[in-house]
Amino acid sequence: MAVKLKVRKDDEVVVITGRDKGKSGKIIRVIPDEMRVVVQGVNMVKRHTRPTQGKAGGIVEKEAPIHVSNVAHMDPKDRKPTKVGYKTVDGAKLRFARKSGETIDR
């Protein structure tokens, strides 16, 4: 069941709970069916890969998905976690940070 998420690719987020609490990064990928996001440099796992014709094998470190409830938007003004709201400006629906009132959408 796909649900409308308030996060998008390239948004700056902060991890608010779990092993990587306090870390921040940019969203690389959003997986709405599983309600998960992949954040750059967060939830790193080691993957043992077999060598193929094009690539060498070995242990590769990569980002694993994290549940969307474990991340919060980073306020553009004070760089702290904030909730996201919606408002309509000139007929366009925009996201804004509830803490400072700044718009998140470019």
C-alpha atoms as a PDB file:
ATOM      1  CA  MET A   1       0.000   0.000   0.000  1.00  0.00           C
ATOM      2  CA  ALA A   2       1.656   3.199  -1.185  1.00  0.00           C
ATOM      3  CA  VAL A   3       1.212   6.188   1.108  1.00  0.00           C
ATOM      4  CA  LYS A   4       1.982   9.846   0.407  1.00  0.00           C
ATOM      5  CA  LEU A   5       5.251  10.635   2.144  1.00  0.00           C
ATOM      6  CA  LYS A   6       6.379  14.107   3.190  1.00  0.00           C
ATOM      7  CA  VAL A   7       9.990  13.424   2.153  1.00  0.00           C
ATOM      8  CA  ARG A   8      11.469  13.504  -1.339  1.00  0.00           C
ATOM      9  CA  LYS A   9      14.772  12.725  -2.977  1.00  0.00           C
ATOM     10  CA  ASP A  10      17.528  15.285  -2.183  1.00  0.00           C
ATOM     11  CA  ASP A  11      15.829  16.457   1.054  1.00  0.00           C
ATOM     12  CA  GLU A  12      18.105  17.040   4.063  1.00  0.00           C
ATOM     13  CA  VAL A  13      17.026  14.849   6.999  1.00  0.00           C
ATOM     14  CA  VAL A  14      18.189  13.987  10.540  1.00  0.00           C
ATOM     15  CA  VAL A  15      17.951  10.497  12.065  1.00  0.00           C
ATOM     16  CA  ILE A  16      15.924  10.869  15.273  1.00  0.00           C
ATOM     17  CA  THR A  17      16.109   7.318  16.648  1.00  0.00           C
ATOM     18  CA  GLY A  18      18.081   4.097  16.307  1.00  0.00           C
ATOM     19  CA  ARG A  19      21.730   3.180  15.897  1.00  0.00           C
ATOM     20  CA  ASP A  20      22.549   6.280  13.808  1.00  0.00           C
ATOM     21  CA  LYS A  21      20.652   8.820  15.952  1.00  0.00           C
ATOM     22  CA  GLY A  22      21.902  12.367  15.384  1.00  0.00           C
ATOM     23  CA  LYS A  23      23.424  11.723  11.966  1.00  0.00           C
ATOM     24  CA  SER A  24      22.172  13.747   9.027  1.00  0.00           C
ATOM     25  CA  GLY A  25      22.346  13.442   5.287  1.00  0.00           C
ATOM     26  CA  LYS A  26      20.635  13.779   1.957  1.00  0.00           C
ATOM     27  CA  ILE A  27      17.966  11.329   0.801  1.00  0.00           C
ATOM     28  CA  ILE A  28      19.303   9.231  -2.077  1.00  0.00           C
ATOM     29  CA  ARG A  29      16.207   7.126  -2.740  1.00  0.00           C
ATOM     30  CA  VAL A  30      12.591   6.922  -1.538  1.00  0.00           C
ATOM     31  CA  ILE A  31      10.747   3.582  -1.396  1.00  0.00           C
ATOM     32  CA  PRO A  32       7.070   4.514  -0.813  1.00  0.00           C
ATOM     33  CA  ASP A  33       5.718   0.934  -0.967  1.00  0.00           C
ATOM     34  CA  GLU A  34       7.845  -0.041   2.048  1.00  0.00           C
ATOM     35  CA  MET A  35       7.718   3.443   3.675  1.00  0.00           C
ATOM     36  CA  ARG A  36      11.526   3.575   3.694  1.00  0.00           C
ATOM     37  CA  VAL A  37      14.241   5.982   2.578  1.00  0.00           C
ATOM     38  CA  VAL A  38      17.949   5.596   1.849  1.00  0.00           C
ATOM     39  CA  VAL A  39      20.015   8.379   3.429  1.00  0.00           C
ATOM     40  CA  GLN A  40      23.572   9.150   2.345  1.00  0.00           C
ATOM     41  CA  GLY A  41      26.101   7.923   4.943  1.00  0.00           C
ATOM     42  CA  VAL A  42      23.461   6.530   7.331  1.00  0.00           C
ATOM     43  CA  ASN A  43      22.690   2.873   8.227  1.00  0.00           C
ATOM     44  CA  MET A  44      25.829   1.546   6.539  1.00  0.00           C
ATOM     45  CA  VAL A  45      26.001  -2.237   6.033  1.00  0.00           C
ATOM     46  CA  LYS A  46      28.692  -4.511   4.631  1.00  0.00           C
ATOM     47  CA  ARG A  47      27.732  -6.523   1.551  1.00  0.00           C
ATOM     48  CA  HIS A  48      29.830  -9.484   0.401  1.00  0.00           C
ATOM     49  CA  THR A  49      29.787  -9.437  -3.399  1.00  0.00           C
ATOM     50  CA  ARG A  50      30.872 -12.134  -5.820  1.00  0.00           C
ATOM     51  CA  PRO A  51      33.239 -11.090  -8.614  1.00  0.00           C
ATOM     52  CA  THR A  52      31.630 -10.674 -12.018  1.00  0.00           C
ATOM     53  CA  GLN A  53      33.073 -10.084 -15.443  1.00  0.00           C
ATOM     54  CA  GLY A  54      32.938  -6.305 -15.027  1.00  0.00           C
ATOM     55  CA  LYS A  55      33.548  -5.848 -11.286  1.00  0.00           C
ATOM     56  CA  ALA A  56      35.910  -7.249  -8.692  1.00  0.00           C
ATOM     57  CA  GLY A  57      34.418  -9.033  -5.689  1.00  0.00           C
ATOM     58  CA  GLY A  58      34.948  -8.207  -2.049  1.00  0.00           C
ATOM     59  CA  ILE A  59      33.263  -6.533   0.886  1.00  0.00           C
ATOM     60  CA  VAL A  60      31.375  -3.402  -0.158  1.00  0.00           C
ATOM     61  CA  GLU A  61      29.955  -0.905   2.324  1.00  0.00           C
ATOM     62  CA  LYS A  62      26.648   0.665   1.277  1.00  0.00           C
ATOM     63  CA  GLU A  63      23.591   2.408   2.690  1.00  0.00           C
ATOM     64  CA  ALA A  64      20.585   0.309   3.718  1.00  0.00           C
ATOM     65  CA  PRO A  65      17.006   1.633   3.806  1.00  0.00           C
ATOM     66  CA  ILE A  66      15.713   3.169   7.044  1.00  0.00           C
ATOM     67  CA  HIS A  67      12.059   3.590   8.013  1.00  0.00           C
ATOM     68  CA  VAL A  68      10.629   7.018   7.243  1.00  0.00           C
ATOM     69  CA  SER A  69       9.375   7.417  10.850  1.00  0.00           C
ATOM     70  CA  ASN A  70      12.986   7.355  12.066  1.00  0.00           C
ATOM     71  CA  VAL A  71      13.973  10.488  10.136  1.00  0.00           C
ATOM     72  CA  ALA A  72      12.864  14.113  10.416  1.00  0.00           C
ATOM     73  CA  HIS A  73      13.284  17.039   8.051  1.00  0.00           C
ATOM     74  CA  MET A  74      16.112  19.430   8.776  1.00  0.00           C
ATOM     75  CA  ASP A  75      14.917  22.997   9.229  1.00  0.00           C
ATOM     76  CA  PRO A  76      16.550  25.201   6.547  1.00  0.00           C
ATOM     77  CA  LYS A  77      17.043  28.047   9.041  1.00  0.00           C
ATOM     78  CA  ASP A  78      18.495  26.469  12.209  1.00  0.00           C
ATOM     79  CA  ARG A  79      19.432  22.952  10.910  1.00  0.00           C
ATOM     80  CA  LYS A  80      17.364  21.152  13.614  1.00  0.00           C
ATOM     81  CA  PRO A  81      14.590  18.536  13.186  1.00  0.00           C
ATOM     82  CA  THR A  82      11.180  19.904  12.269  1.00  0.00           C
ATOM     83  CA  LYS A  83       7.771  18.743  11.158  1.00  0.00           C
ATOM     84  CA  VAL A  84       6.523  19.437   7.639  1.00  0.00           C
ATOM     85  CA  GLY A  85       3.344  21.300   6.750  1.00  0.00           C
ATOM     86  CA  TYR A  86       1.630  22.176   3.495  1.00  0.00           C
ATOM     87  CA  LYS A  87       0.346  25.534   2.263  1.00  0.00           C
ATOM     88  CA  THR A  88      -0.957  26.804  -1.041  1.00  0.00           C
ATOM     89  CA  VAL A  89       0.826  29.748  -2.652  1.00  0.00           C
ATOM     90  CA  ASP A  90      -0.399  31.036  -6.029  1.00  0.00           C
ATOM     91  CA  GLY A  91      -2.221  27.767  -6.692  1.00  0.00           C
ATOM     92  CA  ALA A  92       0.859  25.629  -5.987  1.00  0.00           C
ATOM     93  CA  LYS A  93       1.025  23.268  -3.000  1.00  0.00           C
ATOM     94  CA  LEU A  94       4.300  23.881  -1.141  1.00  0.00           C
ATOM     95  CA  ARG A  95       5.943  22.156   1.825  1.00  0.00           C
ATOM     96  CA  PHE A  96       7.187  24.314   4.688  1.00  0.00           C
ATOM     97  CA  ALA A  97       9.062  23.765   7.956  1.00  0.00           C
ATOM     98  CA  ARG A  98       6.684  24.189  10.882  1.00  0.00           C
ATOM     99  CA  LYS A  99       9.431  25.355  13.238  1.00  0.00           C
ATOM    100  CA  SER A 100      10.623  28.373  11.242  1.00  0.00           C
ATOM    101  CA  GLY A 101       7.947  28.774   8.540  1.00  0.00           C
ATOM    102  CA  GLU A 102      10.530  28.576   5.714  1.00  0.00           C
ATOM    103  CA  THR A 103       9.482  26.801   2.517  1.00  0.00           C
ATOM    104  CA  ILE A 104      11.268  23.509   1.799  1.00  0.00           C
ATOM    105  CA  ASP A 105      10.413  23.218  -1.889  1.00  0.00           C
ATOM    106  CA  ARG A 106      12.708  24.984  -4.302  1.00  0.00           C
END
